[in-house]
Amino acid sequence: MTVLPGKLSDYAGKEMSGDFAPLVLIPTTAGTGSEATKFFVYTDTATDAKLLMKGDALLPKLAVIDWTYTISSPVSITVATGMDALTHAVEAYTSKKSNPVTDIYCLDAIKQIFKYLPLAAKDGNDKTAREQMALAAYEAGVCINNSSVTLVHGMSRPIGALFHVPHGISNAMLITECLRFALDGEGAEERFAKIAEEIGEAEKTDSPSCASKKFLGALERLTKTLEVPSLREYGIDLEKFAVSEEKMASDALASGSPANTRKAVIKEDIIAIYDRLRLA
């Protein structure tokens, strides 16, 4: 804001442009993909909302990806950021804005994360796992920079803003329910089926319906392996959560991310998913 007039919140949802200082980013986690994106998110404490800021001028001039900087990342951060990267890749692949180029990056990132995130969480000194996760996080960042995110991220940000849940964990809490909702969207089933094939959960002879369900099953097993908590297990006040669902649903829709989902999303759909999360 040394370049632009006004407050940061004035630019929410708008394309930011200006002669900004050049960015050189060195990620110390394998997750956000910020080193490859034109986005950043901040919490507006006046409204208790996470706001998405965007603009080509925000792209880093240089990204230095050295997996050795992620070695010291504790298990909790490894899991949270790793699940953020997975959510990026899955959402970009199943987004209305997906394209053949990002599809290649998405599928590779998904495949590597399913394989290497549990290994990195189990042994932080696993060099191969750390290296592959660093690459996958970068790939997933490239994907969302071009194909964006969908319902999961739209619903995740309000949970982070109001209840201070790490972003990757709120993604992980939501991802299976959100994807199950989107399953009957245009072309979604075929996309989920392709992911199932890539991660070795389905055969090419499986029907899209069968294969897509195998992917959702694999996703549930992964979150259990990584010990992703429920809202209750995380310690969230469930009564406060219920009261907040209306605001969170409005904020989710206002972010624009749910509109990229292959199925039309309305406020009542989002509230219903929040309900299922709360009652789990």
C-alpha atoms as a PDB file:
ATOM      1  CA  MET A   1       0.000   0.000   0.000  1.00  0.00           C
ATOM      2  CA  THR A   2       3.023   2.270  -0.379  1.00  0.00           C
ATOM      3  CA  VAL A   3       2.055   2.439  -4.072  1.00  0.00           C
ATOM      4  CA  LEU A   4      -1.756   2.339  -4.111  1.00  0.00           C
ATOM      5  CA  PRO A   5      -4.150   4.798  -2.438  1.00  0.00           C
ATOM      6  CA  GLY A   6      -6.817   3.811   0.065  1.00  0.00           C
ATOM      7  CA  LYS A   7      -7.116   0.669   2.166  1.00  0.00           C
ATOM      8  CA  LEU A   8      -6.211  -2.872   1.181  1.00  0.00           C
ATOM      9  CA  SER A   9      -9.852  -3.923   1.490  1.00  0.00           C
ATOM     10  CA  ASP A  10     -10.743  -1.420  -1.252  1.00  0.00           C
ATOM     11  CA  TYR A  11      -9.111  -3.776  -3.742  1.00  0.00           C
ATOM     12  CA  ALA A  12     -10.816  -7.016  -2.708  1.00  0.00           C
ATOM     13  CA  GLY A  13     -12.138  -8.817  -5.766  1.00  0.00           C
ATOM     14  CA  LYS A  14     -10.492  -6.308  -8.118  1.00  0.00           C
ATOM     15  CA  GLU A  15      -7.403  -6.627 -10.277  1.00  0.00           C
ATOM     16  CA  MET A  16      -4.514  -4.983  -8.445  1.00  0.00           C
ATOM     17  CA  SER A  17      -1.961  -3.199 -10.596  1.00  0.00           C
ATOM     18  CA  GLY A  18       0.930  -0.895  -9.933  1.00  0.00           C
ATOM     19  CA  ASP A  19       4.685  -0.542  -9.989  1.00  0.00           C
ATOM     20  CA  PHE A  20       5.323  -2.783  -6.986  1.00  0.00           C
ATOM     21  CA  ALA A  21       8.694  -3.796  -5.598  1.00  0.00           C
ATOM     22  CA  PRO A  22       9.890  -7.046  -7.216  1.00  0.00           C
ATOM     23  CA  LEU A  23       9.140 -10.228  -5.273  1.00  0.00           C
ATOM     24  CA  VAL A  24      11.659 -13.026  -4.809  1.00  0.00           C
ATOM     25  CA  LEU A  25      10.046 -15.913  -2.923  1.00  0.00           C
ATOM     26  CA  ILE A  26      11.696 -18.882  -1.220  1.00  0.00           C
ATOM     27  CA  PRO A  27       9.054 -21.263   0.171  1.00  0.00           C
ATOM     28  CA  THR A  28       9.786 -22.930   3.502  1.00  0.00           C
ATOM     29  CA  THR A  29       6.735 -25.204   3.320  1.00  0.00           C
ATOM     30  CA  ALA A  30       5.302 -27.412   0.583  1.00  0.00           C
ATOM     31  CA  GLY A  31       1.780 -26.165   0.266  1.00  0.00           C
ATOM     32  CA  THR A  32       0.582 -22.689  -0.621  1.00  0.00           C
ATOM     33  CA  GLY A  33       2.233 -22.443  -4.033  1.00  0.00           C
ATOM     34  CA  SER A  34       2.500 -18.683  -3.467  1.00  0.00           C
ATOM     35  CA  GLU A  35       5.811 -18.724  -5.291  1.00  0.00           C
ATOM     36  CA  ALA A  36       3.859 -19.327  -8.509  1.00  0.00           C
ATOM     37  CA  THR A  37       0.663 -17.315  -8.069  1.00  0.00           C
ATOM     38  CA  LYS A  38      -0.755 -13.831  -8.520  1.00  0.00           C
ATOM     39  CA  PHE A  39      -2.875 -14.171  -5.376  1.00  0.00           C
ATOM     40  CA  PHE A  40      -2.621 -13.475  -1.686  1.00  0.00           C
ATOM     41  CA  VAL A  41      -5.169 -13.708   1.113  1.00  0.00           C
ATOM     42  CA  TYR A  42      -5.441 -11.643   4.261  1.00  0.00           C
ATOM     43  CA  THR A  43      -7.897 -11.453   7.142  1.00  0.00           C
ATOM     44  CA  ASP A  44      -9.854  -8.218   7.398  1.00  0.00           C
ATOM     45  CA  THR A  45     -10.277  -7.911  11.162  1.00  0.00           C
ATOM     46  CA  ALA A  46     -13.005  -5.292  10.723  1.00  0.00           C
ATOM     47  CA  THR A  47     -15.313  -7.816   9.049  1.00  0.00           C
ATOM     48  CA  ASP A  48     -13.794 -11.127  10.207  1.00  0.00           C
ATOM     49  CA  ALA A  49     -13.463 -12.180   6.572  1.00  0.00           C
ATOM     50  CA  LYS A  50     -10.557 -13.557   4.588  1.00  0.00           C
ATOM     51  CA  LEU A  51     -10.229 -11.498   1.419  1.00  0.00           C
ATOM     52  CA  LEU A  52      -8.655 -12.716  -1.805  1.00  0.00           C
ATOM     53  CA  MET A  53      -6.410 -10.219  -3.555  1.00  0.00           C
ATOM     54  CA  LYS A  54      -5.230 -10.762  -7.127  1.00  0.00           C
ATOM     55  CA  GLY A  55      -3.308  -9.185  -9.967  1.00  0.00           C
ATOM     56  CA  ASP A  56      -0.587 -10.032 -12.468  1.00  0.00           C
ATOM     57  CA  ALA A  57       1.564  -7.375 -10.805  1.00  0.00           C
ATOM     58  CA  LEU A  58       1.639  -9.594  -7.695  1.00  0.00           C
ATOM     59  CA  LEU A  59       3.436 -12.438  -9.474  1.00  0.00           C
ATOM     60  CA  PRO A  60       6.919 -13.124  -8.078  1.00  0.00           C
ATOM     61  CA  LYS A  61       9.805 -12.183 -10.339  1.00  0.00           C
ATOM     62  CA  LEU A  62      11.792 -15.168  -9.099  1.00  0.00           C
ATOM     63  CA  ALA A  63      10.984 -18.323  -7.161  1.00  0.00           C
ATOM     64  CA  VAL A  64      13.745 -20.337  -5.501  1.00  0.00           C
ATOM     65  CA  ILE A  65      12.420 -23.782  -4.605  1.00  0.00           C
ATOM     66  CA  ASP A  66      14.846 -25.602  -2.332  1.00  0.00           C
ATOM     67  CA  TRP A  67      13.227 -28.544  -0.568  1.00  0.00           C
ATOM     68  CA  THR A  68      15.900 -28.526   2.156  1.00  0.00           C
ATOM     69  CA  TYR A  69      14.175 -25.488   3.686  1.00  0.00           C
ATOM     70  CA  THR A  70      11.120 -27.659   4.390  1.00  0.00           C
ATOM     71  CA  ILE A  71      12.976 -30.315   6.397  1.00  0.00           C
ATOM     72  CA  SER A  72      12.412 -28.546   9.728  1.00  0.00           C
ATOM     73  CA  SER A  73       8.666 -28.162   9.135  1.00  0.00           C
ATOM     74  CA  PRO A  74       6.811 -29.952  11.979  1.00  0.00           C
ATOM     75  CA  VAL A  75       4.225 -32.641  11.273  1.00  0.00           C
ATOM     76  CA  SER A  76       1.258 -30.312  11.827  1.00  0.00           C
ATOM     77  CA  ILE A  77       2.547 -27.790   9.280  1.00  0.00           C
ATOM     78  CA  THR A  78       3.593 -30.524   6.853  1.00  0.00           C
ATOM     79  CA  VAL A  79       0.075 -31.976   6.884  1.00  0.00           C
ATOM     80  CA  ALA A  80      -1.726 -28.623   6.717  1.00  0.00           C
ATOM     81  CA  THR A  81       0.331 -27.228   3.859  1.00  0.00           C
ATOM     82  CA  GLY A  82       0.396 -30.547   2.030  1.00  0.00           C
ATOM     83  CA  MET A  83      -3.384 -30.781   2.111  1.00  0.00           C
ATOM     84  CA  ASP A  84      -3.573 -27.201   0.856  1.00  0.00           C
ATOM     85  CA  ALA A  85      -1.449 -28.207  -2.140  1.00  0.00           C
ATOM     86  CA  LEU A  86      -3.617 -31.253  -2.785  1.00  0.00           C
ATOM     87  CA  THR A  87      -6.759 -29.129  -2.624  1.00  0.00           C
ATOM     88  CA  HIS A  88      -5.237 -26.671  -5.092  1.00  0.00           C
ATOM     89  CA  ALA A  89      -4.465 -29.421  -7.583  1.00  0.00           C
ATOM     90  CA  VAL A  90      -7.804 -31.219  -7.267  1.00  0.00           C
ATOM     91  CA  GLU A  91      -9.840 -28.029  -7.467  1.00  0.00           C
ATOM     92  CA  ALA A  92      -7.910 -26.666 -10.449  1.00  0.00           C
ATOM     93  CA  TYR A  93      -8.375 -29.986 -12.261  1.00  0.00           C
ATOM     94  CA  THR A  94     -12.119 -30.036 -11.584  1.00  0.00           C
ATOM     95  CA  SER A  95     -12.654 -26.295 -12.086  1.00  0.00           C
ATOM     96  CA  LYS A  96     -14.720 -24.857 -14.928  1.00  0.00           C
ATOM     97  CA  LYS A  97     -11.528 -23.002 -15.864  1.00  0.00           C
ATOM     98  CA  SER A  98      -9.381 -26.125 -16.245  1.00  0.00           C
ATOM     99  CA  ASN A  99      -7.354 -26.430 -19.435  1.00  0.00           C
ATOM    100  CA  PRO A 100      -5.135 -29.094 -21.057  1.00  0.00           C
ATOM    101  CA  VAL A 101      -1.889 -27.506 -19.859  1.00  0.00           C
ATOM    102  CA  THR A 102      -2.836 -27.167 -16.191  1.00  0.00           C
ATOM    103  CA  ASP A 103      -4.419 -30.631 -16.308  1.00  0.00           C
ATOM    104  CA  ILE A 104      -0.929 -32.097 -16.785  1.00  0.00           C
ATOM    105  CA  TYR A 105       0.440 -30.263 -13.752  1.00  0.00           C
ATOM    106  CA  CYS A 106      -2.658 -31.030 -11.666  1.00  0.00           C
ATOM    107  CA  LEU A 107      -2.577 -34.771 -12.233  1.00  0.00           C
ATOM    108  CA  ASP A 108       1.141 -35.016 -11.532  1.00  0.00           C
ATOM    109  CA  ALA A 109       0.806 -32.972  -8.337  1.00  0.00           C
ATOM    110  CA  ILE A 110      -2.145 -35.066  -7.120  1.00  0.00           C
ATOM    111  CA  LYS A 111      -0.304 -38.316  -7.809  1.00  0.00           C
ATOM    112  CA  GLN A 112       2.848 -37.179  -6.000  1.00  0.00           C
ATOM    113  CA  ILE A 113       0.988 -35.767  -2.998  1.00  0.00           C
ATOM    114  CA  PHE A 114      -1.026 -38.937  -2.462  1.00  0.00           C
ATOM    115  CA  LYS A 115       2.243 -40.876  -2.508  1.00  0.00           C
ATOM    116  CA  TYR A 116       4.635 -38.585  -0.680  1.00  0.00           C
ATOM    117  CA  LEU A 117       2.623 -36.513   1.817  1.00  0.00           C
ATOM    118  CA  PRO A 118       2.079 -39.466   4.189  1.00  0.00           C
ATOM    119  CA  LEU A 119       5.796 -40.247   3.937  1.00  0.00           C
ATOM    120  CA  ALA A 120       6.828 -36.648   4.669  1.00  0.00           C
ATOM    121  CA  ALA A 121       4.425 -36.551   7.622  1.00  0.00           C
ATOM    122  CA  LYS A 122       5.801 -39.829   8.967  1.00  0.00           C
ATOM    123  CA  ASP A 123       9.461 -38.900   8.537  1.00  0.00           C
ATOM    124  CA  GLY A 124      10.317 -35.242   8.057  1.00  0.00           C
ATOM    125  CA  ASN A 125      13.855 -36.190   7.065  1.00  0.00           C
ATOM    126  CA  ASP A 126      12.689 -38.245   4.078  1.00  0.00           C
ATOM    127  CA  LYS A 127      14.563 -36.333   1.375  1.00  0.00           C
ATOM    128  CA  THR A 128      12.686 -37.833  -1.558  1.00  0.00           C
ATOM    129  CA  ALA A 129       9.309 -37.099   0.010  1.00  0.00           C
ATOM    130  CA  ARG A 130      10.285 -33.518   0.842  1.00  0.00           C
ATOM    131  CA  GLU A 131      11.646 -32.895  -2.659  1.00  0.00           C
ATOM    132  CA  GLN A 132       8.595 -34.323  -4.403  1.00  0.00           C
ATOM    133  CA  MET A 133       6.226 -32.384  -2.149  1.00  0.00           C
ATOM    134  CA  ALA A 134       8.075 -29.129  -2.891  1.00  0.00           C
ATOM    135  CA  LEU A 135       7.707 -29.762  -6.614  1.00  0.00           C
ATOM    136  CA  ALA A 136       4.047 -30.780  -6.284  1.00  0.00           C
ATOM    137  CA  ALA A 137       3.213 -27.646  -4.293  1.00  0.00           C
ATOM    138  CA  TYR A 138       4.789 -25.510  -7.018  1.00  0.00           C
ATOM    139  CA  GLU A 139       2.885 -27.379  -9.737  1.00  0.00           C
ATOM    140  CA  ALA A 140      -0.370 -26.914  -7.835  1.00  0.00           C
ATOM    141  CA  GLY A 141       0.390 -23.201  -7.516  1.00  0.00           C
ATOM    142  CA  VAL A 142       0.818 -22.917 -11.279  1.00  0.00           C
ATOM    143  CA  CYS A 143      -2.528 -24.688 -11.644  1.00  0.00           C
ATOM    144  CA  ILE A 144      -4.577 -22.358  -9.455  1.00  0.00           C
ATOM    145  CA  ASN A 145      -2.865 -19.342 -10.986  1.00  0.00           C
ATOM    146  CA  ASN A 146      -4.422 -20.355 -14.300  1.00  0.00           C
ATOM    147  CA  SER A 147      -7.477 -22.487 -13.444  1.00  0.00           C
ATOM    148  CA  SER A 148      -8.404 -21.144 -10.004  1.00  0.00           C
ATOM    149  CA  VAL A 149     -10.033 -22.922  -7.046  1.00  0.00           C
ATOM    150  CA  THR A 150     -13.642 -23.886  -6.377  1.00  0.00           C
ATOM    151  CA  LEU A 151     -16.058 -24.615  -3.547  1.00  0.00           C
ATOM    152  CA  VAL A 152     -13.564 -26.019  -1.020  1.00  0.00           C
ATOM    153  CA  HIS A 153     -11.487 -22.856  -0.830  1.00  0.00           C
ATOM    154  CA  GLY A 154     -14.576 -20.669  -0.885  1.00  0.00           C
ATOM    155  CA  MET A 155     -15.895 -22.428   2.225  1.00  0.00           C
ATOM    156  CA  SER A 156     -12.508 -22.837   3.878  1.00  0.00           C
ATOM    157  CA  ARG A 157     -11.530 -19.179   4.138  1.00  0.00           C
ATOM    158  CA  PRO A 158     -14.458 -18.181   6.415  1.00  0.00           C
ATOM    159  CA  ILE A 159     -13.619 -21.026   8.819  1.00  0.00           C
ATOM    160  CA  GLY A 160     -10.073 -19.726   9.021  1.00  0.00           C
ATOM    161  CA  ALA A 161     -11.182 -16.134   9.506  1.00  0.00           C
ATOM    162  CA  LEU A 162     -13.726 -16.813  12.258  1.00  0.00           C
ATOM    163  CA  PHE A 163     -12.262 -19.848  14.018  1.00  0.00           C
ATOM    164  CA  HIS A 164      -8.543 -19.514  13.250  1.00  0.00           C
ATOM    165  CA  VAL A 165      -8.180 -23.006  11.819  1.00  0.00           C
ATOM    166  CA  PRO A 166      -5.023 -23.377   9.689  1.00  0.00           C
ATOM    167  CA  HIS A 167      -6.042 -22.990   6.061  1.00  0.00           C
ATOM    168  CA  GLY A 168      -4.857 -26.416   4.927  1.00  0.00           C
ATOM    169  CA  ILE A 169      -6.672 -28.119   7.793  1.00  0.00           C
ATOM    170  CA  SER A 170      -9.979 -26.405   7.038  1.00  0.00           C
ATOM    171  CA  ASN A 171      -9.484 -27.441   3.398  1.00  0.00           C
ATOM    172  CA  ALA A 172      -8.901 -31.016   4.538  1.00  0.00           C
ATOM    173  CA  MET A 173     -12.005 -30.930   6.755  1.00  0.00           C
ATOM    174  CA  LEU A 174     -14.113 -29.824   3.793  1.00  0.00           C
ATOM    175  CA  ILE A 175     -12.657 -31.454   0.713  1.00  0.00           C
ATOM    176  CA  THR A 176     -14.467 -34.799   0.715  1.00  0.00           C
ATOM    177  CA  GLU A 177     -17.893 -33.298   1.455  1.00  0.00           C
ATOM    178  CA  CYS A 178     -17.460 -30.528  -1.114  1.00  0.00           C
ATOM    179  CA  LEU A 179     -16.308 -32.900  -3.843  1.00  0.00           C
ATOM    180  CA  ARG A 180     -19.118 -35.326  -3.055  1.00  0.00           C
ATOM    181  CA  PHE A 181     -21.544 -32.433  -3.535  1.00  0.00           C
ATOM    182  CA  ALA A 182     -19.933 -31.502  -6.869  1.00  0.00           C
ATOM    183  CA  LEU A 183     -19.827 -35.083  -8.158  1.00  0.00           C
ATOM    184  CA  ASP A 184     -22.905 -34.758 -10.354  1.00  0.00           C
ATOM    185  CA  GLY A 185     -21.754 -31.488 -11.920  1.00  0.00           C
ATOM    186  CA  GLU A 186     -21.085 -31.347 -15.649  1.00  0.00           C
ATOM    187  CA  GLY A 187     -18.048 -33.517 -16.414  1.00  0.00           C
ATOM    188  CA  ALA A 188     -17.074 -33.806 -12.737  1.00  0.00           C
ATOM    189  CA  GLU A 189     -17.547 -37.558 -12.472  1.00  0.00           C
ATOM    190  CA  GLU A 190     -15.198 -38.188 -15.394  1.00  0.00           C
ATOM    191  CA  ARG A 191     -12.596 -35.878 -13.883  1.00  0.00           C
ATOM    192  CA  PHE A 192     -12.742 -37.600 -10.498  1.00  0.00           C
ATOM    193  CA  ALA A 193     -12.491 -40.949 -12.275  1.00  0.00           C
ATOM    194  CA  LYS A 194      -9.318 -39.833 -14.064  1.00  0.00           C
ATOM    195  CA  ILE A 195      -7.774 -38.842 -10.742  1.00  0.00           C
ATOM    196  CA  ALA A 196      -8.623 -42.291  -9.350  1.00  0.00           C
ATOM    197  CA  GLU A 197      -6.767 -43.898 -12.262  1.00  0.00           C
ATOM    198  CA  GLU A 198      -3.730 -41.651 -11.805  1.00  0.00           C
ATOM    199  CA  ILE A 199      -3.354 -42.494  -8.111  1.00  0.00           C
ATOM    200  CA  GLY A 200      -3.809 -46.214  -8.743  1.00  0.00           C
ATOM    201  CA  GLU A 201      -7.224 -46.558  -7.140  1.00  0.00           C
ATOM    202  CA  ALA A 202      -9.191 -47.430 -10.287  1.00  0.00           C
ATOM    203  CA  GLU A 203      -8.777 -49.372 -13.510  1.00  0.00           C
ATOM    204  CA  LYS A 204      -9.479 -47.956 -16.949  1.00  0.00           C
ATOM    205  CA  THR A 205     -12.248 -50.545 -17.222  1.00  0.00           C
ATOM    206  CA  ASP A 206     -14.079 -49.068 -14.218  1.00  0.00           C
ATOM    207  CA  SER A 207     -17.120 -46.947 -14.986  1.00  0.00           C
ATOM    208  CA  PRO A 208     -16.788 -43.216 -14.227  1.00  0.00           C
ATOM    209  CA  SER A 209     -19.322 -43.654 -11.423  1.00  0.00           C
ATOM    210  CA  CYS A 210     -17.348 -46.469  -9.821  1.00  0.00           C
ATOM    211  CA  ALA A 211     -13.938 -44.839 -10.294  1.00  0.00           C
ATOM    212  CA  SER A 212     -15.033 -41.440  -8.990  1.00  0.00           C
ATOM    213  CA  LYS A 213     -16.323 -43.029  -5.799  1.00  0.00           C
ATOM    214  CA  LYS A 214     -12.993 -44.841  -5.414  1.00  0.00           C
ATOM    215  CA  PHE A 215     -11.253 -41.470  -5.536  1.00  0.00           C
ATOM    216  CA  LEU A 216     -13.486 -40.076  -2.791  1.00  0.00           C
ATOM    217  CA  GLY A 217     -12.786 -43.187  -0.733  1.00  0.00           C
ATOM    218  CA  ALA A 218      -9.039 -42.728  -1.190  1.00  0.00           C
ATOM    219  CA  LEU A 219      -9.385 -39.106  -0.137  1.00  0.00           C
ATOM    220  CA  GLU A 220     -11.182 -40.100   3.058  1.00  0.00           C
ATOM    221  CA  ARG A 221      -8.480 -42.650   3.862  1.00  0.00           C
ATOM    222  CA  LEU A 222      -5.754 -40.074   3.274  1.00  0.00           C
ATOM    223  CA  THR A 223      -7.298 -37.571   5.689  1.00  0.00           C
ATOM    224  CA  LYS A 224      -7.644 -40.320   8.290  1.00  0.00           C
ATOM    225  CA  THR A 225      -4.030 -41.406   7.796  1.00  0.00           C
ATOM    226  CA  LEU A 226      -2.935 -37.802   8.282  1.00  0.00           C
ATOM    227  CA  GLU A 227      -5.200 -37.509  11.360  1.00  0.00           C
ATOM    228  CA  VAL A 228      -7.117 -34.509  10.069  1.00  0.00           C
ATOM    229  CA  PRO A 229      -9.417 -33.486  12.959  1.00  0.00           C
ATOM    230  CA  SER A 230     -13.144 -32.860  12.838  1.00  0.00           C
ATOM    231  CA  LEU A 231     -14.497 -29.497  13.976  1.00  0.00           C
ATOM    232  CA  ARG A 232     -15.287 -31.056  17.347  1.00  0.00           C
ATOM    233  CA  GLU A 233     -11.827 -32.615  17.679  1.00  0.00           C
ATOM    234  CA  TYR A 234     -10.206 -29.308  16.792  1.00  0.00           C
ATOM    235  CA  GLY A 235     -12.031 -27.709  19.706  1.00  0.00           C
ATOM    236  CA  ILE A 236     -14.335 -25.395  17.790  1.00  0.00           C
ATOM    237  CA  ASP A 237     -17.419 -24.137  19.641  1.00  0.00           C
ATOM    238  CA  LEU A 238     -20.099 -25.925  17.614  1.00  0.00           C
ATOM    239  CA  GLU A 239     -22.894 -23.627  18.787  1.00  0.00           C
ATOM    240  CA  LYS A 240     -20.939 -20.594  17.641  1.00  0.00           C
ATOM    241  CA  PHE A 241     -20.195 -22.407  14.383  1.00  0.00           C
ATOM    242  CA  ALA A 242     -23.914 -23.021  13.791  1.00  0.00           C
ATOM    243  CA  VAL A 243     -24.724 -19.365  14.430  1.00  0.00           C
ATOM    244  CA  SER A 244     -21.927 -18.328  12.048  1.00  0.00           C
ATOM    245  CA  GLU A 245     -22.954 -20.539   9.131  1.00  0.00           C
ATOM    246  CA  GLU A 246     -25.121 -17.851   7.514  1.00  0.00           C
ATOM    247  CA  LYS A 247     -22.274 -15.323   7.472  1.00  0.00           C
ATOM    248  CA  MET A 248     -19.721 -17.910   6.375  1.00  0.00           C
ATOM    249  CA  ALA A 249     -21.928 -19.005   3.481  1.00  0.00           C
ATOM    250  CA  SER A 250     -22.355 -15.392   2.359  1.00  0.00           C
ATOM    251  CA  ASP A 251     -18.607 -14.775   2.583  1.00  0.00           C
ATOM    252  CA  ALA A 252     -17.886 -17.993   0.691  1.00  0.00           C
ATOM    253  CA  LEU A 253     -20.136 -16.986  -2.201  1.00  0.00           C
ATOM    254  CA  ALA A 254     -18.783 -13.432  -2.211  1.00  0.00           C
ATOM    255  CA  SER A 255     -15.247 -14.754  -2.730  1.00  0.00           C
ATOM    256  CA  GLY A 256     -16.216 -15.975  -6.202  1.00  0.00           C
ATOM    257  CA  SER A 257     -14.487 -19.343  -5.823  1.00  0.00           C
ATOM    258  CA  PRO A 258     -17.665 -21.472  -5.608  1.00  0.00           C
ATOM    259  CA  ALA A 259     -18.719 -20.140  -9.027  1.00  0.00           C
ATOM    260  CA  ASN A 260     -15.849 -22.118 -10.590  1.00  0.00           C
ATOM    261  CA  THR A 261     -17.418 -25.398  -9.435  1.00  0.00           C
ATOM    262  CA  ARG A 262     -18.849 -27.577 -12.215  1.00  0.00           C
ATOM    263  CA  LYS A 263     -22.173 -27.594 -10.391  1.00  0.00           C
ATOM    264  CA  ALA A 264     -24.237 -24.519  -9.569  1.00  0.00           C
ATOM    265  CA  VAL A 265     -23.803 -23.584  -5.903  1.00  0.00           C
ATOM    266  CA  ILE A 266     -26.292 -21.574  -3.875  1.00  0.00           C
ATOM    267  CA  LYS A 267     -26.132 -20.331  -0.298  1.00  0.00           C
ATOM    268  CA  GLU A 268     -28.358 -23.131   1.008  1.00  0.00           C
ATOM    269  CA  ASP A 269     -25.973 -25.736  -0.447  1.00  0.00           C
ATOM    270  CA  ILE A 270     -23.066 -24.211   1.441  1.00  0.00           C
ATOM    271  CA  ILE A 271     -24.992 -24.056   4.708  1.00  0.00           C
ATOM    272  CA  ALA A 272     -25.948 -27.723   4.285  1.00  0.00           C
ATOM    273  CA  ILE A 273     -22.282 -28.705   3.872  1.00  0.00           C
ATOM    274  CA  TYR A 274     -21.311 -26.648   6.928  1.00  0.00           C
ATOM    275  CA  ASP A 275     -24.084 -28.466   8.809  1.00  0.00           C
ATOM    276  CA  ARG A 276     -22.704 -31.875   7.842  1.00  0.00           C
ATOM    277  CA  LEU A 277     -19.241 -30.792   8.921  1.00  0.00           C
ATOM    278  CA  ARG A 278     -20.572 -29.594  12.284  1.00  0.00           C
ATOM    279  CA  LEU A 279     -22.545 -32.771  12.953  1.00  0.00           C
ATOM    280  CA  ALA A 280     -19.757 -35.179  11.959  1.00  0.00           C
END
